[in-house]
């Protein structure tokens, strides 16, 4: 079993990348939104 991390802007993009790399039988084990960028924790964008 291969475990990889992906940072994408949408779940559709994640599924497309995962299926292209690992095949149609790949499974997403966990997903979460993260905040990136900003200054000292302010003005961050969600990904």
PDB file of N, CA and C in Angstrom:
ATOM      1  N   UNK A   1       0.852  -1.178   0.000  1.00  0.00           N
ATOM      2  CA  UNK A   1       0.000   0.000   0.000  1.00  0.00           C
ATOM      3  C   UNK A   1       0.895   1.236   0.000  1.00  0.00           C
ATOM      4  N   UNK A   2       0.604   2.179  -0.896  1.00  0.00           N
ATOM      5  CA  UNK A   2       1.326   3.444  -0.957  1.00  0.00           C
ATOM      6  C   UNK A   2       0.500   4.513  -0.262  1.00  0.00           C
ATOM      7  N   UNK A   3       1.161   5.335   0.549  1.00  0.00           N
ATOM      8  CA  UNK A   3       0.496   6.469   1.188  1.00  0.00           C
ATOM      9  C   UNK A   3       1.199   7.723   0.710  1.00  0.00           C
ATOM     10  N   UNK A   4       0.442   8.668   0.157  1.00  0.00           N
ATOM     11  CA  UNK A   4       1.001   9.915  -0.360  1.00  0.00           C
ATOM     12  C   UNK A   4       0.161  11.082   0.110  1.00  0.00           C
ATOM     13  N   UNK A   5       0.772  12.267   0.166  1.00  0.00           N
ATOM     14  CA  UNK A   5       0.054  13.495   0.506  1.00  0.00           C
ATOM     15  C   UNK A   5      -0.068  14.356  -0.740  1.00  0.00           C
ATOM     16  N   UNK A   6      -1.216  14.996  -0.882  1.00  0.00           N
ATOM     17  CA  UNK A   6      -1.475  15.901  -1.994  1.00  0.00           C
ATOM     18  C   UNK A   6      -2.015  17.211  -1.443  1.00  0.00           C
ATOM     19  N   UNK A   7      -1.561  18.337  -1.990  1.00  0.00           N
ATOM     20  CA  UNK A   7      -2.142  19.642  -1.666  1.00  0.00           C
ATOM     21  C   UNK A   7      -2.746  20.183  -2.954  1.00  0.00           C
ATOM     22  N   UNK A   8      -4.064  20.301  -2.979  1.00  0.00           N
ATOM     23  CA  UNK A   8      -4.790  20.742  -4.169  1.00  0.00           C
ATOM     24  C   UNK A   8      -5.843  21.763  -3.762  1.00  0.00           C
ATOM     25  N   UNK A   9      -6.446  22.405  -4.741  1.00  0.00           N
ATOM     26  CA  UNK A   9      -7.453  23.425  -4.452  1.00  0.00           C
ATOM     27  C   UNK A   9      -8.870  22.869  -4.399  1.00  0.00           C
ATOM     28  N   UNK A  10      -9.075  21.640  -4.902  1.00  0.00           N
ATOM     29  CA  UNK A  10     -10.420  21.057  -4.855  1.00  0.00           C
ATOM     30  C   UNK A  10     -10.330  19.534  -4.788  1.00  0.00           C
ATOM     31  N   UNK A  11     -11.400  18.913  -4.304  1.00  0.00           N
ATOM     32  CA  UNK A  11     -11.437  17.453  -4.228  1.00  0.00           C
ATOM     33  C   UNK A  11     -11.449  16.823  -5.619  1.00  0.00           C
ATOM     34  N   UNK A  12     -12.063  17.494  -6.587  1.00  0.00           N
ATOM     35  CA  UNK A  12     -12.072  16.972  -7.955  1.00  0.00           C
ATOM     36  C   UNK A  12     -10.646  16.898  -8.504  1.00  0.00           C
ATOM     37  N   UNK A  13      -9.859  17.926  -8.236  1.00  0.00           N
ATOM     38  CA  UNK A  13      -8.463  17.934  -8.666  1.00  0.00           C
ATOM     39  C   UNK A  13      -7.681  16.824  -7.956  1.00  0.00           C
ATOM     40  N   UNK A  14      -7.962  16.623  -6.676  1.00  0.00           N
ATOM     41  CA  UNK A  14      -7.292  15.563  -5.913  1.00  0.00           C
ATOM     42  C   UNK A  14      -7.600  14.199  -6.510  1.00  0.00           C
ATOM     43  N   UNK A  15      -8.872  13.925  -6.769  1.00  0.00           N
ATOM     44  CA  UNK A  15      -9.257  12.626  -7.337  1.00  0.00           C
ATOM     45  C   UNK A  15      -8.582  12.385  -8.680  1.00  0.00           C
ATOM     46  N   UNK A  16      -8.535  13.424  -9.521  1.00  0.00           N
ATOM     47  CA  UNK A  16      -7.917  13.282 -10.838  1.00  0.00           C
ATOM     48  C   UNK A  16      -6.432  12.956 -10.709  1.00  0.00           C
ATOM     49  N   UNK A  17      -5.720  13.670  -9.844  1.00  0.00           N
ATOM     50  CA  UNK A  17      -4.289  13.411  -9.652  1.00  0.00           C
ATOM     51  C   UNK A  17      -4.045  12.018  -9.080  1.00  0.00           C
ATOM     52  N   UNK A  18      -4.839  11.644  -8.090  1.00  0.00           N
ATOM     53  CA  UNK A  18      -4.662  10.350  -7.436  1.00  0.00           C
ATOM     54  C   UNK A  18      -4.935   9.211  -8.411  1.00  0.00           C
ATOM     55  N   UNK A  19      -6.005   9.299  -9.168  1.00  0.00           N
ATOM     56  CA  UNK A  19      -6.320   8.241 -10.128  1.00  0.00           C
ATOM     57  C   UNK A  19      -5.277   8.159 -11.231  1.00  0.00           C
ATOM     58  N   UNK A  20      -4.733   9.309 -11.658  1.00  0.00           N
ATOM     59  CA  UNK A  20      -3.707   9.296 -12.695  1.00  0.00           C
ATOM     60  C   UNK A  20      -2.428   8.616 -12.197  1.00  0.00           C
ATOM     61  N   UNK A  21      -2.065   8.860 -10.936  1.00  0.00           N
ATOM     62  CA  UNK A  21      -0.827   8.303 -10.398  1.00  0.00           C
ATOM     63  C   UNK A  21      -0.981   6.891  -9.844  1.00  0.00           C
ATOM     64  N   UNK A  22      -2.087   6.606  -9.174  1.00  0.00           N
ATOM     65  CA  UNK A  22      -2.222   5.349  -8.442  1.00  0.00           C
ATOM     66  C   UNK A  22      -3.265   4.399  -9.016  1.00  0.00           C
ATOM     67  N   UNK A  23      -4.053   4.837  -9.989  1.00  0.00           N
ATOM     68  CA  UNK A  23      -5.050   3.967 -10.600  1.00  0.00           C
ATOM     69  C   UNK A  23      -6.450   4.209 -10.063  1.00  0.00           C
ATOM     70  N   UNK A  24      -7.431   3.574 -10.718  1.00  0.00           N
ATOM     71  CA  UNK A  24      -8.838   3.803 -10.386  1.00  0.00           C
ATOM     72  C   UNK A  24      -9.275   3.146  -9.076  1.00  0.00           C
ATOM     73  N   UNK A  25      -8.479   2.222  -8.558  1.00  0.00           N
ATOM     74  CA  UNK A  25      -8.851   1.578  -7.297  1.00  0.00           C
ATOM     75  C   UNK A  25      -8.250   2.276  -6.074  1.00  0.00           C
ATOM     76  N   UNK A  26      -7.632   3.447  -6.252  1.00  0.00           N
ATOM     77  CA  UNK A  26      -7.043   4.208  -5.142  1.00  0.00           C
ATOM     78  C   UNK A  26      -8.141   4.742  -4.216  1.00  0.00           C
ATOM     79  N   UNK A  27      -7.809   4.884  -2.940  1.00  0.00           N
ATOM     80  CA  UNK A  27      -8.756   5.327  -1.920  1.00  0.00           C
ATOM     81  C   UNK A  27      -8.176   6.532  -1.184  1.00  0.00           C
ATOM     82  N   UNK A  28      -9.013   7.552  -0.938  1.00  0.00           N
ATOM     83  CA  UNK A  28      -8.612   8.706  -0.132  1.00  0.00           C
ATOM     84  C   UNK A  28      -8.891   8.353   1.323  1.00  0.00           C
ATOM     85  N   UNK A  29      -7.834   8.322   2.142  1.00  0.00           N
ATOM     86  CA  UNK A  29      -7.980   7.927   3.541  1.00  0.00           C
ATOM     87  C   UNK A  29      -8.418   9.078   4.432  1.00  0.00           C
ATOM     88  N   UNK A  30      -7.959  10.300   4.128  1.00  0.00           N
ATOM     89  CA  UNK A  30      -8.245  11.440   4.993  1.00  0.00           C
ATOM     90  C   UNK A  30      -8.105  12.721   4.180  1.00  0.00           C
ATOM     91  N   UNK A  31      -8.922  13.710   4.484  1.00  0.00           N
ATOM     92  CA  UNK A  31      -8.789  15.018   3.839  1.00  0.00           C
ATOM     93  C   UNK A  31      -9.087  16.103   4.861  1.00  0.00           C
ATOM     94  N   UNK A  32      -8.460  17.267   4.689  1.00  0.00           N
ATOM     95  CA  UNK A  32      -8.738  18.407   5.559  1.00  0.00           C
ATOM     96  C   UNK A  32      -8.382  19.691   4.831  1.00  0.00           C
ATOM     97  N   UNK A  33      -9.011  20.788   5.251  1.00  0.00           N
ATOM     98  CA  UNK A  33      -8.698  22.105   4.711  1.00  0.00           C
ATOM     99  C   UNK A  33      -7.568  22.704   5.530  1.00  0.00           C
ATOM    100  N   UNK A  34      -6.616  23.338   4.843  1.00  0.00           N
ATOM    101  CA  UNK A  34      -5.511  24.004   5.526  1.00  0.00           C
ATOM    102  C   UNK A  34      -5.445  25.451   5.071  1.00  0.00           C
ATOM    103  N   UNK A  35      -4.906  26.304   5.930  1.00  0.00           N
ATOM    104  CA  UNK A  35      -4.744  27.714   5.595  1.00  0.00           C
ATOM    105  C   UNK A  35      -3.285  27.960   5.243  1.00  0.00           C
ATOM    106  N   UNK A  36      -3.048  28.706   4.151  1.00  0.00           N
ATOM    107  CA  UNK A  36      -1.686  28.971   3.703  1.00  0.00           C
ATOM    108  C   UNK A  36      -1.464  30.460   3.542  1.00  0.00           C
ATOM    109  N   UNK A  37      -0.198  30.835   3.538  1.00  0.00           N
ATOM    110  CA  UNK A  37       0.170  32.232   3.324  1.00  0.00           C
ATOM    111  C   UNK A  37      -0.116  33.089   4.529  1.00  0.00           C
ATOM    112  N   UNK A  38      -0.278  34.372   4.278  1.00  0.00           N
ATOM    113  CA  UNK A  38      -0.601  35.295   5.355  1.00  0.00           C
ATOM    114  C   UNK A  38       0.629  35.859   6.035  1.00  0.00           C
ATOM    115  N   UNK A  39       0.379  36.684   7.030  1.00  0.00           N
ATOM    116  CA  UNK A  39       1.433  37.334   7.796  1.00  0.00           C
ATOM    117  C   UNK A  39       1.143  37.136   9.271  1.00  0.00           C
ATOM    118  N   UNK A  40       2.015  36.421   9.970  1.00  0.00           N
ATOM    119  CA  UNK A  40       1.860  36.145  11.400  1.00  0.00           C
ATOM    120  C   UNK A  40       0.499  35.525  11.732  1.00  0.00           C
ATOM    121  N   UNK A  41       0.029  34.657  10.847  1.00  0.00           N
ATOM    122  CA  UNK A  41      -1.241  33.985  11.092  1.00  0.00           C
ATOM    123  C   UNK A  41      -2.463  34.753  10.622  1.00  0.00           C
ATOM    124  N   UNK A  42      -2.278  35.950  10.068  1.00  0.00           N
ATOM    125  CA  UNK A  42      -3.394  36.757   9.577  1.00  0.00           C
ATOM    126  C   UNK A  42      -3.416  36.732   8.053  1.00  0.00           C
ATOM    127  N   UNK A  43      -4.568  37.011   7.479  1.00  0.00           N
ATOM    128  CA  UNK A  43      -4.750  37.108   6.023  1.00  0.00           C
ATOM    129  C   UNK A  43      -4.405  35.804   5.305  1.00  0.00           C
ATOM    130  N   UNK A  44      -4.718  34.683   5.924  1.00  0.00           N
ATOM    131  CA  UNK A  44      -4.437  33.393   5.316  1.00  0.00           C
ATOM    132  C   UNK A  44      -5.556  32.985   4.377  1.00  0.00           C
ATOM    133  N   UNK A  45      -5.204  32.182   3.378  1.00  0.00           N
ATOM    134  CA  UNK A  45      -6.177  31.634   2.438  1.00  0.00           C
ATOM    135  C   UNK A  45      -6.387  30.167   2.753  1.00  0.00           C
ATOM    136  N   UNK A  46      -7.621  29.714   2.603  1.00  0.00           N
ATOM    137  CA  UNK A  46      -7.918  28.293   2.793  1.00  0.00           C
ATOM    138  C   UNK A  46      -7.684  27.548   1.502  1.00  0.00           C
ATOM    139  N   UNK A  47      -7.077  26.375   1.629  1.00  0.00           N
ATOM    140  CA  UNK A  47      -6.870  25.469   0.493  1.00  0.00           C
ATOM    141  C   UNK A  47      -7.568  24.181   0.775  1.00  0.00           C
TER     142      UNK A  47
END
